Amino acid sequence: MMITTTKVPDKGDPSDILQLFPSYNIQLLCCRYWWLRRWEFEELSYPYWRIYHNNTSGASIIRKGRDYQLTPDKILMIAPNTSYSTKLHEHHSNYENKDALIGGRVGDTINYSDLVKKNYILHLFIHFNIGLPYDNVQPGIFEFELTDHLNEKLTVIRNHLKVDYAKFSFYSGLAIQSLISDLLSAIPEARWDLMSKDYRILDILGHIENNISGDLSNVALAKKIPLATNAFTRLFSSEIGISPQRFVKKKRIDNACVLLHHSDKTIEAIAEETGFSDRYHFSRIFKQITGVSPARYQKEYRMK
């Protein structure tokens, strides 16, 4: 739907056309530099973007039968909710317990030559979101050639992480955000298919994202447009493909996964922050959608 907007001209901008720009916000979840001795997972899928770069070869991720090698001359970026598996030095089929991660932080006291001799992998990874509707692109893995420009940013990030793993400077933070923006802008425009082109639904999606713990009933959401509740429900379901409440439930669980993975908050606190009435209701819905309990998910996947 085309929207024509005007404004009163002023000295700073003499035009009478009000320009509308897409709103997105890079939310950094983690940025880490690890050595890896084992990295074997049968299936990984997360509701946020991931960037991988290894400055030693030997690891790869597999999606739909395709093997994406993590080599020093490439950067991989993975869209949210993309399912894939990982392997390191062909270990994937050599162990009874195929889900395993053995690794640790790369710091300034690490002897890099020793790591290389032991056949360890040096692995930089960044997790982030950019908000709805842009976190809901089609699942997929994007490969980028490592240019000198991108490598300069990676060098800044690695050098910072070797010294300070907890607090980022303004300069290193800019390097991370600039790297993300460069890679996102290199994704072909055709891949940025939005869930809906109806501005009313896009507004609702943004409202859900920013008010995940609030009243997101059909009645409350319909009033934001405004439409009659039944008309809103039909419009939303037609545009998004699922009912508003199924979408809200999925987004709340997505947010809970992010918190379980990247924070040390209790399950009770996460249940409240994501809009569930109590831990038991949250745990039931979480297991219904993910197949595991919040406690198990937190134990197995929380970043340390």
C-alpha atoms as a PDB file:
ATOM      1  CA  MET A   1       0.000   0.000   0.000  1.00  0.00           C
ATOM      2  CA  MET A   2       1.442   3.367  -1.095  1.00  0.00           C
ATOM      3  CA  ILE A   3       1.455   6.135   1.516  1.00  0.00           C
ATOM      4  CA  THR A   4       1.739   9.766   0.408  1.00  0.00           C
ATOM      5  CA  THR A   5       3.040  12.035   3.143  1.00  0.00           C
ATOM      6  CA  THR A   6       3.801  15.730   3.176  1.00  0.00           C
ATOM      7  CA  LYS A   7       5.414  18.146   5.578  1.00  0.00           C
ATOM      8  CA  VAL A   8       5.738  21.865   6.030  1.00  0.00           C
ATOM      9  CA  PRO A   9       8.939  23.053   4.300  1.00  0.00           C
ATOM     10  CA  ASP A  10      11.540  24.633   6.549  1.00  0.00           C
ATOM     11  CA  LYS A  11      14.963  26.237   6.189  1.00  0.00           C
ATOM     12  CA  GLY A  12      16.770  22.989   6.880  1.00  0.00           C
ATOM     13  CA  ASP A  13      14.759  21.022   4.325  1.00  0.00           C
ATOM     14  CA  PRO A  14      12.739  23.114   1.834  1.00  0.00           C
ATOM     15  CA  SER A  15      10.980  20.048   0.383  1.00  0.00           C
ATOM     16  CA  ASP A  16       7.326  19.364   1.189  1.00  0.00           C
ATOM     17  CA  ILE A  17       7.803  15.578   0.950  1.00  0.00           C
ATOM     18  CA  LEU A  18       8.181  13.684   4.230  1.00  0.00           C
ATOM     19  CA  GLN A  19      10.602  10.826   3.689  1.00  0.00           C
ATOM     20  CA  LEU A  20      10.117   7.504   5.443  1.00  0.00           C
ATOM     21  CA  PHE A  21      13.138   5.330   6.192  1.00  0.00           C
ATOM     22  CA  PRO A  22      13.159   1.723   7.413  1.00  0.00           C
ATOM     23  CA  SER A  23      13.789   1.437  11.127  1.00  0.00           C
ATOM     24  CA  TYR A  24      16.239  -1.185  12.334  1.00  0.00           C
ATOM     25  CA  ASN A  25      18.559  -1.465  15.274  1.00  0.00           C
ATOM     26  CA  ILE A  26      21.594  -3.739  15.562  1.00  0.00           C
ATOM     27  CA  GLN A  27      21.356  -5.478  18.925  1.00  0.00           C
ATOM     28  CA  LEU A  28      24.643  -7.192  19.723  1.00  0.00           C
ATOM     29  CA  LEU A  29      24.200 -10.366  21.757  1.00  0.00           C
ATOM     30  CA  CYS A  30      27.788 -11.589  21.926  1.00  0.00           C
ATOM     31  CA  CYS A  31      31.146 -11.322  20.178  1.00  0.00           C
ATOM     32  CA  ARG A  32      33.745 -13.932  21.098  1.00  0.00           C
ATOM     33  CA  TYR A  33      37.046 -15.382  19.933  1.00  0.00           C
ATOM     34  CA  TRP A  34      37.605 -19.036  20.864  1.00  0.00           C
ATOM     35  CA  TRP A  35      39.898 -21.932  20.197  1.00  0.00           C
ATOM     36  CA  LEU A  36      37.988 -25.105  19.360  1.00  0.00           C
ATOM     37  CA  ARG A  37      39.089 -28.699  19.755  1.00  0.00           C
ATOM     38  CA  ARG A  38      35.637 -30.170  19.161  1.00  0.00           C
ATOM     39  CA  TRP A  39      32.620 -28.557  17.520  1.00  0.00           C
ATOM     40  CA  GLU A  40      30.123 -31.224  16.541  1.00  0.00           C
ATOM     41  CA  PHE A  41      26.387 -30.589  16.583  1.00  0.00           C
ATOM     42  CA  GLU A  42      23.668 -32.560  14.826  1.00  0.00           C
ATOM     43  CA  GLU A  43      21.340 -29.559  14.589  1.00  0.00           C
ATOM     44  CA  LEU A  44      21.562 -25.897  15.544  1.00  0.00           C
ATOM     45  CA  SER A  45      18.911 -23.248  14.922  1.00  0.00           C
ATOM     46  CA  TYR A  46      18.630 -19.918  16.685  1.00  0.00           C
ATOM     47  CA  PRO A  47      16.334 -16.867  16.391  1.00  0.00           C
ATOM     48  CA  TYR A  48      19.214 -14.473  15.713  1.00  0.00           C
ATOM     49  CA  TRP A  49      21.905 -13.760  13.125  1.00  0.00           C
ATOM     50  CA  ARG A  50      25.362 -15.327  13.421  1.00  0.00           C
ATOM     51  CA  ILE A  51      28.704 -14.399  11.826  1.00  0.00           C
ATOM     52  CA  TYR A  52      31.530 -16.948  11.693  1.00  0.00           C
ATOM     53  CA  HIS A  53      35.141 -16.469  10.663  1.00  0.00           C
ATOM     54  CA  ASN A  54      38.015 -18.872  11.294  1.00  0.00           C
ATOM     55  CA  ASN A  55      41.614 -17.923  10.623  1.00  0.00           C
ATOM     56  CA  THR A  56      42.534 -21.611  10.417  1.00  0.00           C
ATOM     57  CA  SER A  57      40.854 -24.234   8.247  1.00  0.00           C
ATOM     58  CA  GLY A  58      39.235 -27.481   9.319  1.00  0.00           C
ATOM     59  CA  ALA A  59      35.666 -26.649  10.400  1.00  0.00           C
ATOM     60  CA  SER A  60      32.491 -26.560   8.360  1.00  0.00           C
ATOM     61  CA  ILE A  61      28.744 -26.256   8.677  1.00  0.00           C
ATOM     62  CA  ILE A  62      26.249 -28.340   6.730  1.00  0.00           C
ATOM     63  CA  ARG A  63      22.811 -27.292   5.546  1.00  0.00           C
ATOM     64  CA  LYS A  64      20.552 -29.324   3.272  1.00  0.00           C
ATOM     65  CA  GLY A  65      23.436 -31.509   2.134  1.00  0.00           C
ATOM     66  CA  ARG A  66      25.752 -28.625   1.290  1.00  0.00           C
ATOM     67  CA  ASP A  67      29.071 -28.302   3.111  1.00  0.00           C
ATOM     68  CA  TYR A  68      30.147 -24.718   3.847  1.00  0.00           C
ATOM     69  CA  GLN A  69      33.857 -24.689   4.649  1.00  0.00           C
ATOM     70  CA  LEU A  70      35.024 -22.171   7.252  1.00  0.00           C
ATOM     71  CA  THR A  71      38.294 -21.078   5.707  1.00  0.00           C
ATOM     72  CA  PRO A  72      40.446 -17.982   6.360  1.00  0.00           C
ATOM     73  CA  ASP A  73      39.428 -16.383   3.050  1.00  0.00           C
ATOM     74  CA  LYS A  74      35.664 -16.438   3.766  1.00  0.00           C
ATOM     75  CA  ILE A  75      33.116 -15.062   6.227  1.00  0.00           C
ATOM     76  CA  LEU A  76      29.837 -16.902   6.779  1.00  0.00           C
ATOM     77  CA  MET A  77      26.647 -15.216   7.962  1.00  0.00           C
ATOM     78  CA  ILE A  78      23.659 -17.293   9.028  1.00  0.00           C
ATOM     79  CA  ALA A  79      20.112 -15.904   9.000  1.00  0.00           C
ATOM     80  CA  PRO A  80      17.843 -16.425  12.025  1.00  0.00           C
ATOM     81  CA  ASN A  81      16.029 -19.759  12.361  1.00  0.00           C
ATOM     82  CA  THR A  82      18.373 -21.491   9.910  1.00  0.00           C
ATOM     83  CA  SER A  83      18.885 -25.161  10.758  1.00  0.00           C
ATOM     84  CA  TYR A  84      22.398 -26.562  10.244  1.00  0.00           C
ATOM     85  CA  SER A  85      24.955 -28.970  11.701  1.00  0.00           C
ATOM     86  CA  THR A  86      28.650 -28.501  12.410  1.00  0.00           C
ATOM     87  CA  LYS A  87      31.796 -30.610  12.238  1.00  0.00           C
ATOM     88  CA  LEU A  88      35.488 -30.189  12.956  1.00  0.00           C
ATOM     89  CA  HIS A  89      38.221 -32.168  11.164  1.00  0.00           C
ATOM     90  CA  GLU A  90      35.687 -34.829  10.098  1.00  0.00           C
ATOM     91  CA  HIS A  91      35.047 -35.712  13.751  1.00  0.00           C
ATOM     92  CA  HIS A  92      31.316 -35.538  13.140  1.00  0.00           C
ATOM     93  CA  SER A  93      30.953 -39.255  12.513  1.00  0.00           C
ATOM     94  CA  ASN A  94      33.673 -40.519  14.825  1.00  0.00           C
ATOM     95  CA  TYR A  95      32.038 -40.127  18.236  1.00  0.00           C
ATOM     96  CA  GLU A  96      29.076 -41.804  19.889  1.00  0.00           C
ATOM     97  CA  ASN A  97      28.032 -38.498  21.467  1.00  0.00           C
ATOM     98  CA  LYS A  98      27.806 -36.346  18.371  1.00  0.00           C
ATOM     99  CA  ASP A  99      26.856 -33.110  20.132  1.00  0.00           C
ATOM    100  CA  ALA A 100      30.029 -31.736  21.675  1.00  0.00           C
ATOM    101  CA  LEU A 101      31.837 -28.444  22.177  1.00  0.00           C
ATOM    102  CA  ILE A 102      35.347 -28.276  23.616  1.00  0.00           C
ATOM    103  CA  GLY A 103      36.989 -24.876  23.464  1.00  0.00           C
ATOM    104  CA  GLY A 104      37.849 -21.714  25.316  1.00  0.00           C
ATOM    105  CA  ARG A 105      38.726 -18.082  25.102  1.00  0.00           C
ATOM    106  CA  VAL A 106      41.649 -16.891  23.009  1.00  0.00           C
ATOM    107  CA  GLY A 107      43.532 -14.321  25.097  1.00  0.00           C
ATOM    108  CA  ASP A 108      46.803 -12.429  24.914  1.00  0.00           C
ATOM    109  CA  THR A 109      48.601 -15.196  26.834  1.00  0.00           C
ATOM    110  CA  ILE A 110      47.646 -17.902  24.318  1.00  0.00           C
ATOM    111  CA  ASN A 111      50.521 -19.445  22.359  1.00  0.00           C
ATOM    112  CA  TYR A 112      49.116 -19.483  18.833  1.00  0.00           C
ATOM    113  CA  SER A 113      51.780 -21.777  17.413  1.00  0.00           C
ATOM    114  CA  ASP A 114      50.903 -24.390  20.053  1.00  0.00           C
ATOM    115  CA  LEU A 115      47.228 -24.200  19.088  1.00  0.00           C
ATOM    116  CA  VAL A 116      48.065 -24.661  15.423  1.00  0.00           C
ATOM    117  CA  LYS A 117      50.354 -27.616  16.200  1.00  0.00           C
ATOM    118  CA  LYS A 118      47.519 -29.252  18.136  1.00  0.00           C
ATOM    119  CA  ASN A 119      45.234 -28.771  15.123  1.00  0.00           C
ATOM    120  CA  TYR A 120      42.900 -26.478  17.074  1.00  0.00           C
ATOM    121  CA  ILE A 121      40.596 -24.045  15.258  1.00  0.00           C
ATOM    122  CA  LEU A 122      40.601 -20.299  15.972  1.00  0.00           C
ATOM    123  CA  HIS A 123      36.953 -19.241  15.748  1.00  0.00           C
ATOM    124  CA  LEU A 124      35.451 -15.734  15.838  1.00  0.00           C
ATOM    125  CA  PHE A 125      31.683 -15.553  16.193  1.00  0.00           C
ATOM    126  CA  ILE A 126      29.164 -12.726  16.555  1.00  0.00           C
ATOM    127  CA  HIS A 127      25.470 -13.061  17.433  1.00  0.00           C
ATOM    128  CA  PHE A 128      23.026 -10.208  16.821  1.00  0.00           C
ATOM    129  CA  ASN A 129      19.498  -9.172  15.920  1.00  0.00           C
ATOM    130  CA  ILE A 130      18.276  -6.238  13.833  1.00  0.00           C
ATOM    131  CA  GLY A 131      14.585  -6.374  14.799  1.00  0.00           C
ATOM    132  CA  LEU A 132      11.372  -7.129  12.984  1.00  0.00           C
ATOM    133  CA  PRO A 133      10.556  -7.460  10.179  1.00  0.00           C
ATOM    134  CA  TYR A 134      14.196  -7.863   9.077  1.00  0.00           C
ATOM    135  CA  ASP A 135      14.981 -10.740  11.429  1.00  0.00           C
ATOM    136  CA  ASN A 136      12.356 -12.738   9.563  1.00  0.00           C
ATOM    137  CA  VAL A 137      14.123 -13.131   6.237  1.00  0.00           C
ATOM    138  CA  GLN A 138      14.158 -16.558   4.657  1.00  0.00           C
ATOM    139  CA  PRO A 139      16.549 -18.971   6.411  1.00  0.00           C
ATOM    140  CA  GLY A 140      19.875 -19.384   4.696  1.00  0.00           C
ATOM    141  CA  ILE A 141      23.668 -19.154   4.835  1.00  0.00           C
ATOM    142  CA  PHE A 142      25.546 -16.371   3.074  1.00  0.00           C
ATOM    143  CA  GLU A 143      29.202 -16.626   2.038  1.00  0.00           C
ATOM    144  CA  PHE A 144      31.425 -13.563   1.601  1.00  0.00           C
ATOM    145  CA  GLU A 145      34.953 -13.266   0.286  1.00  0.00           C
ATOM    146  CA  LEU A 146      37.301 -11.792   2.883  1.00  0.00           C
ATOM    147  CA  THR A 147      38.363  -8.441   1.441  1.00  0.00           C
ATOM    148  CA  ASP A 148      41.098  -6.250   2.913  1.00  0.00           C
ATOM    149  CA  HIS A 149      38.363  -3.886   4.104  1.00  0.00           C
ATOM    150  CA  LEU A 150      36.535  -6.632   6.020  1.00  0.00           C
ATOM    151  CA  ASN A 151      39.768  -8.098   7.338  1.00  0.00           C
ATOM    152  CA  GLU A 152      40.726  -4.743   8.878  1.00  0.00           C
ATOM    153  CA  LYS A 153      37.523  -4.834  10.940  1.00  0.00           C
ATOM    154  CA  LEU A 154      38.111  -8.450  11.980  1.00  0.00           C
ATOM    155  CA  THR A 155      41.634  -7.533  13.082  1.00  0.00           C
ATOM    156  CA  VAL A 156      40.333  -4.680  15.257  1.00  0.00           C
ATOM    157  CA  ILE A 157      37.759  -7.003  16.833  1.00  0.00           C
ATOM    158  CA  ARG A 158      40.217  -9.841  17.486  1.00  0.00           C
ATOM    159  CA  ASN A 159      42.862  -7.538  18.925  1.00  0.00           C
ATOM    160  CA  HIS A 160      40.322  -6.132  21.353  1.00  0.00           C
ATOM    161  CA  LEU A 161      39.039  -9.566  22.406  1.00  0.00           C
ATOM    162  CA  LYS A 162      42.555 -10.784  23.150  1.00  0.00           C
ATOM    163  CA  VAL A 163      42.856  -8.050  25.783  1.00  0.00           C
ATOM    164  CA  ASP A 164      39.326  -7.395  27.080  1.00  0.00           C
ATOM    165  CA  TYR A 165      36.610  -9.986  26.725  1.00  0.00           C
ATOM    166  CA  ALA A 166      33.884  -8.178  28.680  1.00  0.00           C
ATOM    167  CA  LYS A 167      33.874  -4.462  27.850  1.00  0.00           C
ATOM    168  CA  PHE A 168      34.136  -3.080  24.333  1.00  0.00           C
ATOM    169  CA  SER A 169      35.534   0.326  23.473  1.00  0.00           C
ATOM    170  CA  PHE A 170      33.629   2.714  21.228  1.00  0.00           C
ATOM    171  CA  TYR A 171      36.134   2.006  18.438  1.00  0.00           C
ATOM    172  CA  SER A 172      35.868  -1.788  18.658  1.00  0.00           C
ATOM    173  CA  GLY A 173      32.081  -1.524  18.959  1.00  0.00           C
ATOM    174  CA  LEU A 174      31.989   0.529  15.761  1.00  0.00           C
ATOM    175  CA  ALA A 175      34.117  -2.116  14.034  1.00  0.00           C
ATOM    176  CA  ILE A 176      31.603  -4.826  14.976  1.00  0.00           C
ATOM    177  CA  GLN A 177      28.594  -2.813  13.838  1.00  0.00           C
ATOM    178  CA  SER A 178      30.356  -1.722  10.661  1.00  0.00           C
ATOM    179  CA  LEU A 179      31.223  -5.350   9.841  1.00  0.00           C
ATOM    180  CA  ILE A 180      27.587  -6.367  10.351  1.00  0.00           C
ATOM    181  CA  SER A 181      26.292  -3.499   8.200  1.00  0.00           C
ATOM    182  CA  ASP A 182      28.766  -4.284   5.409  1.00  0.00           C
ATOM    183  CA  LEU A 183      27.697  -7.928   5.309  1.00  0.00           C
ATOM    184  CA  LEU A 184      23.963  -7.202   5.546  1.00  0.00           C
ATOM    185  CA  SER A 185      24.197  -4.689   2.703  1.00  0.00           C
ATOM    186  CA  ALA A 186      25.891  -7.336   0.540  1.00  0.00           C
ATOM    187  CA  ILE A 187      22.889  -9.670   0.764  1.00  0.00           C
ATOM    188  CA  PRO A 188      20.963  -9.495  -2.539  1.00  0.00           C
ATOM    189  CA  GLU A 189      17.893  -7.259  -2.332  1.00  0.00           C
ATOM    190  CA  ALA A 190      15.643 -10.096  -3.494  1.00  0.00           C
ATOM    191  CA  ARG A 191      16.468 -12.017  -0.302  1.00  0.00           C
ATOM    192  CA  TRP A 192      14.973  -9.281   1.860  1.00  0.00           C
ATOM    193  CA  ASP A 193      11.398 -10.390   1.271  1.00  0.00           C
ATOM    194  CA  LEU A 194       9.387  -9.000   4.167  1.00  0.00           C
ATOM    195  CA  MET A 195       6.733 -11.037   5.902  1.00  0.00           C
ATOM    196  CA  SER A 196       4.187  -8.460   4.802  1.00  0.00           C
ATOM    197  CA  LYS A 197       4.051  -5.350   2.643  1.00  0.00           C
ATOM    198  CA  ASP A 198       1.025  -3.957   4.494  1.00  0.00           C
ATOM    199  CA  TYR A 199       2.303  -1.049   6.604  1.00  0.00           C
ATOM    200  CA  ARG A 200      -0.345  -1.744   9.269  1.00  0.00           C
ATOM    201  CA  ILE A 201       0.931  -5.277   9.820  1.00  0.00           C
ATOM    202  CA  LEU A 202       4.552  -4.092   9.765  1.00  0.00           C
ATOM    203  CA  ASP A 203       3.649  -1.615  12.516  1.00  0.00           C
ATOM    204  CA  ILE A 204       2.054  -4.416  14.512  1.00  0.00           C
ATOM    205  CA  LEU A 205       5.142  -6.596  14.104  1.00  0.00           C
ATOM    206  CA  GLY A 206       7.288  -3.760  15.437  1.00  0.00           C
ATOM    207  CA  HIS A 207       4.888  -3.236  18.331  1.00  0.00           C
ATOM    208  CA  ILE A 208       5.072  -6.932  19.256  1.00  0.00           C
ATOM    209  CA  GLU A 209       8.872  -6.852  19.121  1.00  0.00           C
ATOM    210  CA  ASN A 210       9.070  -3.803  21.405  1.00  0.00           C
ATOM    211  CA  ASN A 211       6.365  -4.875  23.877  1.00  0.00           C
ATOM    212  CA  ILE A 212       6.963  -8.598  24.198  1.00  0.00           C
ATOM    213  CA  SER A 213       5.967  -8.706  27.883  1.00  0.00           C
ATOM    214  CA  GLY A 214       2.872  -6.507  27.463  1.00  0.00           C
ATOM    215  CA  ASP A 215      -0.735  -7.089  26.485  1.00  0.00           C
ATOM    216  CA  LEU A 216      -0.549  -8.628  23.026  1.00  0.00           C
ATOM    217  CA  SER A 217      -4.059 -10.013  22.851  1.00  0.00           C
ATOM    218  CA  ASN A 218      -5.930  -9.808  19.547  1.00  0.00           C
ATOM    219  CA  VAL A 219      -8.130  -7.083  21.012  1.00  0.00           C
ATOM    220  CA  ALA A 220      -5.140  -4.966  22.092  1.00  0.00           C
ATOM    221  CA  LEU A 221      -3.315  -5.465  18.782  1.00  0.00           C
ATOM    222  CA  ALA A 222      -6.424  -4.675  16.711  1.00  0.00           C
ATOM    223  CA  LYS A 223      -6.797  -1.345  18.517  1.00  0.00           C
ATOM    224  CA  LYS A 224      -3.311  -0.305  17.383  1.00  0.00           C
ATOM    225  CA  ILE A 225      -4.305  -0.255  13.681  1.00  0.00           C
ATOM    226  CA  PRO A 226      -7.292   0.260  14.355  1.00  0.00           C
ATOM    227  CA  LEU A 227      -9.518  -2.523  13.038  1.00  0.00           C
ATOM    228  CA  ALA A 228     -12.280  -4.661  14.409  1.00  0.00           C
ATOM    229  CA  THR A 229     -10.759  -7.680  16.162  1.00  0.00           C
ATOM    230  CA  ASN A 230     -12.080 -10.226  13.669  1.00  0.00           C
ATOM    231  CA  ALA A 231     -10.952  -8.123  10.689  1.00  0.00           C
ATOM    232  CA  PHE A 232      -7.497  -7.699  12.223  1.00  0.00           C
ATOM    233  CA  THR A 233      -7.170 -11.426  12.871  1.00  0.00           C
ATOM    234  CA  ARG A 234      -8.078 -12.242   9.278  1.00  0.00           C
ATOM    235  CA  LEU A 235      -5.687  -9.625   7.873  1.00  0.00           C
ATOM    236  CA  PHE A 236      -2.781 -10.741  10.084  1.00  0.00           C
ATOM    237  CA  SER A 237      -3.308 -14.434   9.326  1.00  0.00           C
ATOM    238  CA  SER A 238      -3.547 -13.719   5.600  1.00  0.00           C
ATOM    239  CA  GLU A 239      -0.343 -11.627   5.562  1.00  0.00           C
ATOM    240  CA  ILE A 240       1.823 -13.659   7.963  1.00  0.00           C
ATOM    241  CA  GLY A 241       0.464 -17.145   7.411  1.00  0.00           C
ATOM    242  CA  ILE A 242      -0.324 -17.911  11.056  1.00  0.00           C
ATOM    243  CA  SER A 243      -2.688 -16.426  13.626  1.00  0.00           C
ATOM    244  CA  PRO A 244      -1.602 -13.415  15.716  1.00  0.00           C
ATOM    245  CA  GLN A 245      -1.451 -15.457  18.907  1.00  0.00           C
ATOM    246  CA  ARG A 246       0.644 -18.211  17.366  1.00  0.00           C
ATOM    247  CA  PHE A 247       3.044 -15.524  16.132  1.00  0.00           C
ATOM    248  CA  VAL A 248       3.157 -13.833  19.563  1.00  0.00           C
ATOM    249  CA  LYS A 249       3.844 -17.171  21.253  1.00  0.00           C
ATOM    250  CA  LYS A 250       6.681 -17.923  18.813  1.00  0.00           C
ATOM    251  CA  LYS A 251       8.250 -14.469  19.280  1.00  0.00           C
ATOM    252  CA  ARG A 252       8.111 -14.801  23.065  1.00  0.00           C
ATOM    253  CA  ILE A 253       9.876 -18.149  22.887  1.00  0.00           C
ATOM    254  CA  ASP A 254      12.427 -16.702  20.430  1.00  0.00           C
ATOM    255  CA  ASN A 255      13.189 -13.910  22.897  1.00  0.00           C
ATOM    256  CA  ALA A 256      13.412 -16.445  25.716  1.00  0.00           C
ATOM    257  CA  CYS A 257      15.954 -18.487  23.712  1.00  0.00           C
ATOM    258  CA  VAL A 258      18.117 -15.391  23.286  1.00  0.00           C
ATOM    259  CA  LEU A 259      18.012 -14.682  27.032  1.00  0.00           C
ATOM    260  CA  LEU A 260      18.665 -18.304  27.981  1.00  0.00           C
ATOM    261  CA  HIS A 261      21.621 -18.368  25.585  1.00  0.00           C
ATOM    262  CA  HIS A 262      23.192 -14.991  26.324  1.00  0.00           C
ATOM    263  CA  SER A 263      22.271 -13.966  29.879  1.00  0.00           C
ATOM    264  CA  ASP A 264      22.553 -15.350  33.394  1.00  0.00           C
ATOM    265  CA  LYS A 265      18.946 -14.483  34.289  1.00  0.00           C
ATOM    266  CA  THR A 266      16.847 -17.045  36.108  1.00  0.00           C
ATOM    267  CA  ILE A 267      14.127 -18.957  34.311  1.00  0.00           C
ATOM    268  CA  GLU A 268      11.543 -17.159  36.467  1.00  0.00           C
ATOM    269  CA  ALA A 269      12.896 -13.756  35.415  1.00  0.00           C
ATOM    270  CA  ILE A 270      12.966 -14.765  31.756  1.00  0.00           C
ATOM    271  CA  ALA A 271       9.376 -16.040  31.951  1.00  0.00           C
ATOM    272  CA  GLU A 272       8.246 -12.673  33.329  1.00  0.00           C
ATOM    273  CA  GLU A 273      10.328 -10.661  30.855  1.00  0.00           C
ATOM    274  CA  THR A 274       8.849 -12.510  27.887  1.00  0.00           C
ATOM    275  CA  GLY A 275       5.226 -12.131  28.966  1.00  0.00           C
ATOM    276  CA  PHE A 276       4.361 -15.477  30.576  1.00  0.00           C
ATOM    277  CA  SER A 277       2.228 -15.655  33.693  1.00  0.00           C
ATOM    278  CA  ASP A 278       4.650 -17.925  35.571  1.00  0.00           C
ATOM    279  CA  ARG A 279       7.549 -20.345  35.160  1.00  0.00           C
ATOM    280  CA  TYR A 280       5.281 -23.372  34.726  1.00  0.00           C
ATOM    281  CA  HIS A 281       3.256 -21.853  31.902  1.00  0.00           C
ATOM    282  CA  PHE A 282       6.487 -20.676  30.284  1.00  0.00           C
ATOM    283  CA  SER A 283       8.145 -24.098  30.617  1.00  0.00           C
ATOM    284  CA  ARG A 284       5.153 -25.879  29.098  1.00  0.00           C
ATOM    285  CA  ILE A 285       5.004 -23.584  26.049  1.00  0.00           C
ATOM    286  CA  PHE A 286       8.799 -23.545  25.657  1.00  0.00           C
ATOM    287  CA  LYS A 287       9.022 -27.346  25.534  1.00  0.00           C
ATOM    288  CA  GLN A 288       5.995 -27.500  23.246  1.00  0.00           C
ATOM    289  CA  ILE A 289       7.777 -25.302  20.683  1.00  0.00           C
ATOM    290  CA  THR A 290      11.459 -26.250  21.088  1.00  0.00           C
ATOM    291  CA  GLY A 291      11.182 -29.861  22.225  1.00  0.00           C
ATOM    292  CA  VAL A 292      13.329 -29.286  25.338  1.00  0.00           C
ATOM    293  CA  SER A 293      12.757 -27.643  28.710  1.00  0.00           C
ATOM    294  CA  PRO A 294      14.104 -24.137  29.437  1.00  0.00           C
ATOM    295  CA  ALA A 295      16.400 -25.593  32.117  1.00  0.00           C
ATOM    296  CA  ARG A 296      17.960 -28.050  29.670  1.00  0.00           C
ATOM    297  CA  TYR A 297      18.274 -25.420  26.954  1.00  0.00           C
ATOM    298  CA  GLN A 298      19.991 -23.044  29.374  1.00  0.00           C
ATOM    299  CA  LYS A 299      22.354 -25.740  30.625  1.00  0.00           C
ATOM    300  CA  GLU A 300      23.385 -26.911  27.150  1.00  0.00           C
ATOM    301  CA  TYR A 301      23.534 -23.650  25.208  1.00  0.00           C
ATOM    302  CA  ARG A 302      24.233 -20.718  27.530  1.00  0.00           C
ATOM    303  CA  MET A 303      27.342 -18.808  26.485  1.00  0.00           C
ATOM    304  CA  LYS A 304      30.011 -18.846  29.176  1.00  0.00           C
END
